[in-house]
Amino acid sequence: ESADLVRRSGGGFTVPYGDADGVVRAIERLRGDRNL
């Protein structure tokens, strides 16, 4: 339910379970683009 809603709404990122590097990439992307 949560992953589908985040993708459908465009309201954020979905990262696979266990993917800490994916979390870091998403955070760095937001840090570099506050407007996003």
PDB file of all heavy atoms in Angstrom:
ATOM      1  N   GLU A   1       0.825  -1.213   0.000  1.00  0.00           N
ATOM      2  CA  GLU A   1       0.000   0.000   0.000  1.00  0.00           C
ATOM      3  C   GLU A   1       0.861   1.265   0.000  1.00  0.00           C
ATOM      4  O   GLU A   1       0.604   2.204  -0.756  1.00  0.00           O
ATOM      5  CB  GLU A   1      -0.926  -0.007   1.222  1.00  0.00           C
ATOM      6  CG  GLU A   1      -2.144  -0.899   1.103  1.00  0.00           C
ATOM      7  CD  GLU A   1      -1.910  -2.341   1.514  1.00  0.00           C
ATOM      8  OE1 GLU A   1      -0.743  -2.679   1.832  1.00  0.00           O
ATOM      9  OE2 GLU A   1      -2.865  -3.130   1.525  1.00  0.00           O
ATOM     10  N   SER A   2       1.894   1.302   0.839  1.00  0.00           N
ATOM     11  CA  SER A   2       2.711   2.514   0.976  1.00  0.00           C
ATOM     12  C   SER A   2       3.547   2.776  -0.264  1.00  0.00           C
ATOM     13  O   SER A   2       3.578   3.898  -0.782  1.00  0.00           O
ATOM     14  CB  SER A   2       3.623   2.390   2.204  1.00  0.00           C
ATOM     15  OG  SER A   2       2.858   2.246   3.384  1.00  0.00           O
ATOM     16  N   ALA A   3       4.256   1.757  -0.756  1.00  0.00           N
ATOM     17  CA  ALA A   3       5.110   1.938  -1.929  1.00  0.00           C
ATOM     18  C   ALA A   3       4.291   2.356  -3.140  1.00  0.00           C
ATOM     19  O   ALA A   3       4.691   3.252  -3.902  1.00  0.00           O
ATOM     20  CB  ALA A   3       5.881   0.651  -2.220  1.00  0.00           C
ATOM     21  N   ASP A   4       3.146   1.722  -3.328  1.00  0.00           N
ATOM     22  CA  ASP A   4       2.297   2.058  -4.478  1.00  0.00           C
ATOM     23  C   ASP A   4       1.827   3.504  -4.405  1.00  0.00           C
ATOM     24  O   ASP A   4       1.802   4.218  -5.416  1.00  0.00           O
ATOM     25  CB  ASP A   4       1.093   1.120  -4.542  1.00  0.00           C
ATOM     26  CG  ASP A   4       1.465  -0.296  -4.967  1.00  0.00           C
ATOM     27  OD1 ASP A   4       2.656  -0.533  -5.278  1.00  0.00           O
ATOM     28  OD2 ASP A   4       0.571  -1.170  -4.983  1.00  0.00           O
ATOM     29  N   LEU A   5       1.441   3.948  -3.201  1.00  0.00           N
ATOM     30  CA  LEU A   5       0.935   5.310  -3.055  1.00  0.00           C
ATOM     31  C   LEU A   5       2.036   6.344  -3.279  1.00  0.00           C
ATOM     32  O   LEU A   5       1.803   7.378  -3.924  1.00  0.00           O
ATOM     33  CB  LEU A   5       0.311   5.493  -1.675  1.00  0.00           C
ATOM     34  CG  LEU A   5      -0.256   6.876  -1.356  1.00  0.00           C
ATOM     35  CD1 LEU A   5      -1.300   7.297  -2.396  1.00  0.00           C
ATOM     36  CD2 LEU A   5      -0.852   6.903   0.044  1.00  0.00           C
ATOM     37  N   VAL A   6       3.236   6.084  -2.763  1.00  0.00           N
ATOM     38  CA  VAL A   6       4.343   7.031  -2.969  1.00  0.00           C
ATOM     39  C   VAL A   6       4.638   7.172  -4.459  1.00  0.00           C
ATOM     40  O   VAL A   6       4.796   8.288  -4.971  1.00  0.00           O
ATOM     41  CB  VAL A   6       5.600   6.569  -2.208  1.00  0.00           C
ATOM     42  CG1 VAL A   6       6.813   7.399  -2.614  1.00  0.00           C
ATOM     43  CG2 VAL A   6       5.380   6.679  -0.701  1.00  0.00           C
ATOM     44  N   ARG A   7       4.682   6.048  -5.178  1.00  0.00           N
ATOM     45  CA  ARG A   7       4.965   6.117  -6.619  1.00  0.00           C
ATOM     46  C   ARG A   7       3.821   6.773  -7.374  1.00  0.00           C
ATOM     47  O   ARG A   7       4.038   7.612  -8.250  1.00  0.00           O
ATOM     48  CB  ARG A   7       5.214   4.710  -7.172  1.00  0.00           C
ATOM     49  CG  ARG A   7       6.617   4.197  -6.984  1.00  0.00           C
ATOM     50  CD  ARG A   7       6.850   2.980  -7.863  1.00  0.00           C
ATOM     51  NE  ARG A   7       5.883   1.927  -7.542  1.00  0.00           N
ATOM     52  CZ  ARG A   7       6.088   1.000  -6.616  1.00  0.00           C
ATOM     53  NH1 ARG A   7       7.223   0.987  -5.949  1.00  0.00           N
ATOM     54  NH2 ARG A   7       5.177   0.079  -6.367  1.00  0.00           N
ATOM     55  N   ARG A   8       2.594   6.373  -7.053  1.00  0.00           N
ATOM     56  CA  ARG A   8       1.445   6.889  -7.788  1.00  0.00           C
ATOM     57  C   ARG A   8       1.297   8.394  -7.604  1.00  0.00           C
ATOM     58  O   ARG A   8       0.949   9.116  -8.541  1.00  0.00           O
ATOM     59  CB  ARG A   8       0.178   6.168  -7.316  1.00  0.00           C
ATOM     60  CG  ARG A   8      -1.072   6.522  -8.115  1.00  0.00           C
ATOM     61  CD  ARG A   8      -2.238   5.615  -7.730  1.00  0.00           C
ATOM     62  NE  ARG A   8      -2.716   5.860  -6.386  1.00  0.00           N
ATOM     63  CZ  ARG A   8      -2.599   5.003  -5.391  1.00  0.00           C
ATOM     64  NH1 ARG A   8      -1.981   3.860  -5.556  1.00  0.00           N
ATOM     65  NH2 ARG A   8      -3.088   5.284  -4.191  1.00  0.00           N
ATOM     66  N   SER A   9       1.560   8.878  -6.420  1.00  0.00           N
ATOM     67  CA  SER A   9       1.391  10.308  -6.135  1.00  0.00           C
ATOM     68  C   SER A   9       2.581  11.142  -6.590  1.00  0.00           C
ATOM     69  O   SER A   9       2.458  12.349  -6.784  1.00  0.00           O
ATOM     70  CB  SER A   9       1.175  10.519  -4.640  1.00  0.00           C
ATOM     71  OG  SER A   9       2.351  10.174  -3.905  1.00  0.00           O
ATOM     72  N   GLY A  10       3.748  10.498  -6.752  1.00  0.00           N
ATOM     73  CA  GLY A  10       4.966  11.258  -7.022  1.00  0.00           C
ATOM     74  C   GLY A  10       5.474  11.971  -5.791  1.00  0.00           C
ATOM     75  O   GLY A  10       6.262  12.915  -5.889  1.00  0.00           O
ATOM     76  N   GLY A  11       5.035  11.501  -4.606  1.00  0.00           N
ATOM     77  CA  GLY A  11       5.340  12.200  -3.362  1.00  0.00           C
ATOM     78  C   GLY A  11       6.593  11.758  -2.651  1.00  0.00           C
ATOM     79  O   GLY A  11       6.709  11.981  -1.438  1.00  0.00           O
ATOM     80  N   GLY A  12       7.549  11.137  -3.381  1.00  0.00           N
ATOM     81  CA  GLY A  12       8.779  10.752  -2.702  1.00  0.00           C
ATOM     82  C   GLY A  12       9.523   9.663  -3.428  1.00  0.00           C
ATOM     83  O   GLY A  12       9.369   9.469  -4.642  1.00  0.00           O
ATOM     84  N   PHE A  13      10.342   8.938  -2.658  1.00  0.00           N
ATOM     85  CA  PHE A  13      11.193   7.884  -3.197  1.00  0.00           C
ATOM     86  C   PHE A  13      10.792   6.544  -2.592  1.00  0.00           C
ATOM     87  O   PHE A  13      10.394   6.468  -1.428  1.00  0.00           O
ATOM     88  CB  PHE A  13      12.667   8.136  -2.847  1.00  0.00           C
ATOM     89  CG  PHE A  13      13.226   9.412  -3.385  1.00  0.00           C
ATOM     90  CD1 PHE A  13      13.152  10.592  -2.649  1.00  0.00           C
ATOM     91  CD2 PHE A  13      13.842   9.454  -4.631  1.00  0.00           C
ATOM     92  CE1 PHE A  13      13.683  11.775  -3.124  1.00  0.00           C
ATOM     93  CE2 PHE A  13      14.378  10.638  -5.125  1.00  0.00           C
ATOM     94  CZ  PHE A  13      14.295  11.797  -4.375  1.00  0.00           C
ATOM     95  N   THR A  14      10.942   5.480  -3.369  1.00  0.00           N
ATOM     96  CA  THR A  14      10.829   4.127  -2.840  1.00  0.00           C
ATOM     97  C   THR A  14      12.187   3.451  -3.038  1.00  0.00           C
ATOM     98  O   THR A  14      12.767   3.509  -4.121  1.00  0.00           O
ATOM     99  CB  THR A  14       9.738   3.313  -3.545  1.00  0.00           C
ATOM    100  OG1 THR A  14      10.009   3.241  -4.955  1.00  0.00           O
ATOM    101  CG2 THR A  14       8.368   3.961  -3.340  1.00  0.00           C
ATOM    102  N   VAL A  15      12.677   2.834  -1.971  1.00  0.00           N
ATOM    103  CA  VAL A  15      13.990   2.198  -1.979  1.00  0.00           C
ATOM    104  C   VAL A  15      13.814   0.747  -1.545  1.00  0.00           C
ATOM    105  O   VAL A  15      13.103   0.476  -0.579  1.00  0.00           O
ATOM    106  CB  VAL A  15      14.957   2.930  -1.020  1.00  0.00           C
ATOM    107  CG1 VAL A  15      16.299   2.205  -0.934  1.00  0.00           C
ATOM    108  CG2 VAL A  15      15.151   4.374  -1.460  1.00  0.00           C
ATOM    109  N   PRO A  16      14.452  -0.201  -2.233  1.00  0.00           N
ATOM    110  CA  PRO A  16      14.306  -1.611  -1.846  1.00  0.00           C
ATOM    111  C   PRO A  16      14.792  -1.873  -0.428  1.00  0.00           C
ATOM    112  O   PRO A  16      15.723  -1.223   0.073  1.00  0.00           O
ATOM    113  CB  PRO A  16      15.173  -2.356  -2.877  1.00  0.00           C
ATOM    114  CG  PRO A  16      15.282  -1.429  -4.042  1.00  0.00           C
ATOM    115  CD  PRO A  16      15.262  -0.046  -3.452  1.00  0.00           C
ATOM    116  N   TYR A  17      14.186  -2.828   0.201  1.00  0.00           N
ATOM    117  CA  TYR A  17      14.577  -3.264   1.539  1.00  0.00           C
ATOM    118  C   TYR A  17      16.050  -3.669   1.535  1.00  0.00           C
ATOM    119  O   TYR A  17      16.519  -4.405   0.666  1.00  0.00           O
ATOM    120  CB  TYR A  17      13.699  -4.446   1.951  1.00  0.00           C
ATOM    121  CG  TYR A  17      14.054  -5.088   3.260  1.00  0.00           C
ATOM    122  CD1 TYR A  17      13.776  -4.459   4.463  1.00  0.00           C
ATOM    123  CD2 TYR A  17      14.658  -6.347   3.297  1.00  0.00           C
ATOM    124  CE1 TYR A  17      14.080  -5.051   5.678  1.00  0.00           C
ATOM    125  CE2 TYR A  17      14.965  -6.961   4.508  1.00  0.00           C
ATOM    126  CZ  TYR A  17      14.679  -6.302   5.689  1.00  0.00           C
ATOM    127  OH  TYR A  17      14.981  -6.902   6.888  1.00  0.00           O
ATOM    128  N   GLY A  18      16.807  -3.154   2.495  1.00  0.00           N
ATOM    129  CA  GLY A  18      18.220  -3.486   2.607  1.00  0.00           C
ATOM    130  C   GLY A  18      19.158  -2.586   1.825  1.00  0.00           C
ATOM    131  O   GLY A  18      20.383  -2.715   1.950  1.00  0.00           O
ATOM    132  N   ASP A  19      18.627  -1.661   1.032  1.00  0.00           N
ATOM    133  CA  ASP A  19      19.461  -0.829   0.159  1.00  0.00           C
ATOM    134  C   ASP A  19      19.822   0.486   0.857  1.00  0.00           C
ATOM    135  O   ASP A  19      19.229   1.537   0.596  1.00  0.00           O
ATOM    136  CB  ASP A  19      18.721  -0.567  -1.156  1.00  0.00           C
ATOM    137  CG  ASP A  19      19.580   0.167  -2.181  1.00  0.00           C
ATOM    138  OD1 ASP A  19      20.774   0.416  -1.893  1.00  0.00           O
ATOM    139  OD2 ASP A  19      19.051   0.497  -3.267  1.00  0.00           O
ATOM    140  N   ALA A  20      20.823   0.447   1.731  1.00  0.00           N
ATOM    141  CA  ALA A  20      21.251   1.650   2.436  1.00  0.00           C
ATOM    142  C   ALA A  20      21.844   2.668   1.472  1.00  0.00           C
ATOM    143  O   ALA A  20      21.669   3.885   1.649  1.00  0.00           O
ATOM    144  CB  ALA A  20      22.256   1.300   3.523  1.00  0.00           C
ATOM    145  N   ASP A  21      22.537   2.190   0.438  1.00  0.00           N
ATOM    146  CA  ASP A  21      23.107   3.114  -0.545  1.00  0.00           C
ATOM    147  C   ASP A  21      22.006   3.873  -1.280  1.00  0.00           C
ATOM    148  O   ASP A  21      22.168   5.056  -1.616  1.00  0.00           O
ATOM    149  CB  ASP A  21      23.966   2.346  -1.556  1.00  0.00           C
ATOM    150  CG  ASP A  21      25.246   1.796  -0.941  1.00  0.00           C
ATOM    151  OD1 ASP A  21      25.656   2.319   0.117  1.00  0.00           O
ATOM    152  OD2 ASP A  21      25.815   0.846  -1.502  1.00  0.00           O
ATOM    153  N   GLY A  22      20.877   3.211  -1.515  1.00  0.00           N
ATOM    154  CA  GLY A  22      19.741   3.880  -2.154  1.00  0.00           C
ATOM    155  C   GLY A  22      19.188   4.996  -1.287  1.00  0.00           C
ATOM    156  O   GLY A  22      18.761   6.036  -1.792  1.00  0.00           O
ATOM    157  N   VAL A  23      19.199   4.779   0.029  1.00  0.00           N
ATOM    158  CA  VAL A  23      18.754   5.822   0.961  1.00  0.00           C
ATOM    159  C   VAL A  23      19.699   7.012   0.880  1.00  0.00           C
ATOM    160  O   VAL A  23      19.264   8.172   0.819  1.00  0.00           O
ATOM    161  CB  VAL A  23      18.680   5.266   2.397  1.00  0.00           C
ATOM    162  CG1 VAL A  23      18.373   6.386   3.388  1.00  0.00           C
ATOM    163  CG2 VAL A  23      17.630   4.171   2.501  1.00  0.00           C
ATOM    164  N   VAL A  24      20.999   6.733   0.863  1.00  0.00           N
ATOM    165  CA  VAL A  24      21.985   7.819   0.791  1.00  0.00           C
ATOM    166  C   VAL A  24      21.816   8.602  -0.516  1.00  0.00           C
ATOM    167  O   VAL A  24      21.840   9.846  -0.505  1.00  0.00           O
ATOM    168  CB  VAL A  24      23.416   7.251   0.889  1.00  0.00           C
ATOM    169  CG1 VAL A  24      24.446   8.350   0.616  1.00  0.00           C
ATOM    170  CG2 VAL A  24      23.650   6.638   2.268  1.00  0.00           C
ATOM    171  N   ARG A  25      21.617   7.897  -1.622  1.00  0.00           N
ATOM    172  CA  ARG A  25      21.456   8.583  -2.912  1.00  0.00           C
ATOM    173  C   ARG A  25      20.222   9.483  -2.907  1.00  0.00           C
ATOM    174  O   ARG A  25      20.253  10.613  -3.420  1.00  0.00           O
ATOM    175  CB  ARG A  25      21.367   7.563  -4.045  1.00  0.00           C
ATOM    176  CG  ARG A  25      22.696   6.888  -4.382  1.00  0.00           C
ATOM    177  CD  ARG A  25      22.605   6.139  -5.701  1.00  0.00           C
ATOM    178  NE  ARG A  25      21.638   5.051  -5.648  1.00  0.00           N
ATOM    179  CZ  ARG A  25      21.934   3.808  -5.274  1.00  0.00           C
ATOM    180  NH1 ARG A  25      23.177   3.508  -4.904  1.00  0.00           N
ATOM    181  NH2 ARG A  25      21.007   2.870  -5.268  1.00  0.00           N
ATOM    182  N   ALA A  26      19.130   8.999  -2.342  1.00  0.00           N
ATOM    183  CA  ALA A  26      17.909   9.812  -2.303  1.00  0.00           C
ATOM    184  C   ALA A  26      18.119  11.059  -1.445  1.00  0.00           C
ATOM    185  O   ALA A  26      17.699  12.166  -1.814  1.00  0.00           O
ATOM    186  CB  ALA A  26      16.746   8.979  -1.763  1.00  0.00           C
ATOM    187  N   ILE A  27      18.771  10.898  -0.296  1.00  0.00           N
ATOM    188  CA  ILE A  27      19.029  12.038   0.585  1.00  0.00           C
ATOM    189  C   ILE A  27      19.940  13.052  -0.100  1.00  0.00           C
ATOM    190  O   ILE A  27      19.699  14.268  -0.043  1.00  0.00           O
ATOM    191  CB  ILE A  27      19.632  11.551   1.910  1.00  0.00           C
ATOM    192  CG1 ILE A  27      18.569  10.778   2.716  1.00  0.00           C
ATOM    193  CG2 ILE A  27      20.167  12.730   2.732  1.00  0.00           C
ATOM    194  CD1 ILE A  27      19.112  10.109   3.962  1.00  0.00           C
ATOM    195  N   GLU A  28      20.990  12.570  -0.751  1.00  0.00           N
ATOM    196  CA  GLU A  28      21.901  13.491  -1.432  1.00  0.00           C
ATOM    197  C   GLU A  28      21.212  14.215  -2.588  1.00  0.00           C
ATOM    198  O   GLU A  28      21.490  15.386  -2.850  1.00  0.00           O
ATOM    199  CB  GLU A  28      23.120  12.722  -1.931  1.00  0.00           C
ATOM    200  CG  GLU A  28      24.053  12.282  -0.805  1.00  0.00           C
ATOM    201  CD  GLU A  28      25.276  11.557  -1.301  1.00  0.00           C
ATOM    202  OE1 GLU A  28      25.200  10.931  -2.384  1.00  0.00           O
ATOM    203  OE2 GLU A  28      26.321  11.612  -0.612  1.00  0.00           O
ATOM    204  N   ARG A  29      20.303  13.529  -3.240  1.00  0.00           N
ATOM    205  CA  ARG A  29      19.557  14.186  -4.318  1.00  0.00           C
ATOM    206  C   ARG A  29      18.687  15.308  -3.772  1.00  0.00           C
ATOM    207  O   ARG A  29      18.605  16.399  -4.348  1.00  0.00           O
ATOM    208  CB  ARG A  29      18.706  13.162  -5.066  1.00  0.00           C
ATOM    209  CG  ARG A  29      18.058  13.704  -6.321  1.00  0.00           C
ATOM    210  CD  ARG A  29      17.328  12.625  -7.070  1.00  0.00           C
ATOM    211  NE  ARG A  29      16.578  13.196  -8.189  1.00  0.00           N
ATOM    212  CZ  ARG A  29      15.676  12.533  -8.896  1.00  0.00           C
ATOM    213  NH1 ARG A  29      15.429  11.254  -8.610  1.00  0.00           N
ATOM    214  NH2 ARG A  29      15.027  13.112  -9.881  1.00  0.00           N
ATOM    215  N   LEU A  30      18.028  15.063  -2.660  1.00  0.00           N
ATOM    216  CA  LEU A  30      17.195  16.102  -2.052  1.00  0.00           C
ATOM    217  C   LEU A  30      18.045  17.246  -1.514  1.00  0.00           C
ATOM    218  O   LEU A  30      17.641  18.413  -1.580  1.00  0.00           O
ATOM    219  CB  LEU A  30      16.352  15.500  -0.920  1.00  0.00           C
ATOM    220  CG  LEU A  30      15.204  14.579  -1.344  1.00  0.00           C
ATOM    221  CD1 LEU A  30      14.605  13.898  -0.130  1.00  0.00           C
ATOM    222  CD2 LEU A  30      14.135  15.352  -2.103  1.00  0.00           C
ATOM    223  N   ARG A  31      19.216  16.913  -0.989  1.00  0.00           N
ATOM    224  CA  ARG A  31      20.086  17.968  -0.468  1.00  0.00           C
ATOM    225  C   ARG A  31      20.576  18.869  -1.590  1.00  0.00           C
ATOM    226  O   ARG A  31      20.700  20.082  -1.416  1.00  0.00           O
ATOM    227  CB  ARG A  31      21.300  17.334   0.251  1.00  0.00           C
ATOM    228  CG  ARG A  31      22.236  18.373   0.863  1.00  0.00           C
ATOM    229  CD  ARG A  31      21.534  19.160   1.953  1.00  0.00           C
ATOM    230  NE  ARG A  31      22.377  20.271   2.415  1.00  0.00           N
ATOM    231  CZ  ARG A  31      21.983  21.532   2.472  1.00  0.00           C
ATOM    232  NH1 ARG A  31      20.761  21.860   2.080  1.00  0.00           N
ATOM    233  NH2 ARG A  31      22.766  22.470   2.919  1.00  0.00           N
ATOM    234  N   GLY A  32      20.802  18.274  -2.757  1.00  0.00           N
ATOM    235  CA  GLY A  32      21.294  19.067  -3.873  1.00  0.00           C
ATOM    236  C   GLY A  32      20.211  19.809  -4.634  1.00  0.00           C
ATOM    237  O   GLY A  32      20.514  20.710  -5.425  1.00  0.00           O
ATOM    238  N   ASP A  33      18.952  19.439  -4.413  1.00  0.00           N
ATOM    239  CA  ASP A  33      17.851  20.066  -5.147  1.00  0.00           C
ATOM    240  C   ASP A  33      16.668  20.240  -4.201  1.00  0.00           C
ATOM    241  O   ASP A  33      15.771  19.397  -4.138  1.00  0.00           O
ATOM    242  CB  ASP A  33      17.469  19.205  -6.352  1.00  0.00           C
ATOM    243  CG  ASP A  33      16.442  19.873  -7.261  1.00  0.00           C
ATOM    244  OD1 ASP A  33      15.945  20.958  -6.903  1.00  0.00           O
ATOM    245  OD2 ASP A  33      16.124  19.299  -8.325  1.00  0.00           O
ATOM    246  N   ARG A  34      16.673  21.322  -3.444  1.00  0.00           N
ATOM    247  CA  ARG A  34      15.593  21.571  -2.477  1.00  0.00           C
ATOM    248  C   ARG A  34      14.241  21.742  -3.171  1.00  0.00           C
ATOM    249  O   ARG A  34      13.196  21.434  -2.602  1.00  0.00           O
ATOM    250  CB  ARG A  34      15.921  22.807  -1.634  1.00  0.00           C
ATOM    251  CG  ARG A  34      17.086  22.624  -0.663  1.00  0.00           C
ATOM    252  CD  ARG A  34      16.790  21.491   0.325  1.00  0.00           C
ATOM    253  NE  ARG A  34      17.828  21.359   1.336  1.00  0.00           N
ATOM    254  CZ  ARG A  34      17.758  21.878   2.547  1.00  0.00           C
ATOM    255  NH1 ARG A  34      16.707  22.573   2.904  1.00  0.00           N
ATOM    256  NH2 ARG A  34      18.739  21.693   3.412  1.00  0.00           N
ATOM    257  N   ASN A  35      14.264  22.249  -4.384  1.00  0.00           N
ATOM    258  CA  ASN A  35      13.015  22.449  -5.108  1.00  0.00           C
ATOM    259  C   ASN A  35      12.346  21.110  -5.420  1.00  0.00           C
ATOM    260  O   ASN A  35      11.117  21.008  -5.432  1.00  0.00           O
ATOM    261  CB  ASN A  35      13.263  23.221  -6.400  1.00  0.00           C
ATOM    262  CG  ASN A  35      11.964  23.681  -7.048  1.00  0.00           C
ATOM    263  OD1 ASN A  35      11.103  24.262  -6.392  1.00  0.00           O
ATOM    264  ND2 ASN A  35      11.805  23.406  -8.335  1.00  0.00           N
ATOM    265  N   LEU A  36      13.142  20.058  -5.642  1.00  0.00           N
ATOM    266  CA  LEU A  36      12.590  18.729  -5.897  1.00  0.00           C
ATOM    267  C   LEU A  36      11.782  18.259  -4.692  1.00  0.00           C
ATOM    268  O   LEU A  36      10.676  17.720  -4.841  1.00  0.00           O
ATOM    269  CB  LEU A  36      13.719  17.741  -6.198  1.00  0.00           C
ATOM    270  CG  LEU A  36      13.300  16.270  -6.346  1.00  0.00           C
ATOM    271  CD1 LEU A  36      12.367  16.100  -7.532  1.00  0.00           C
ATOM    272  CD2 LEU A  36      14.527  15.383  -6.480  1.00  0.00           C
TER     273      LEU A  36
END
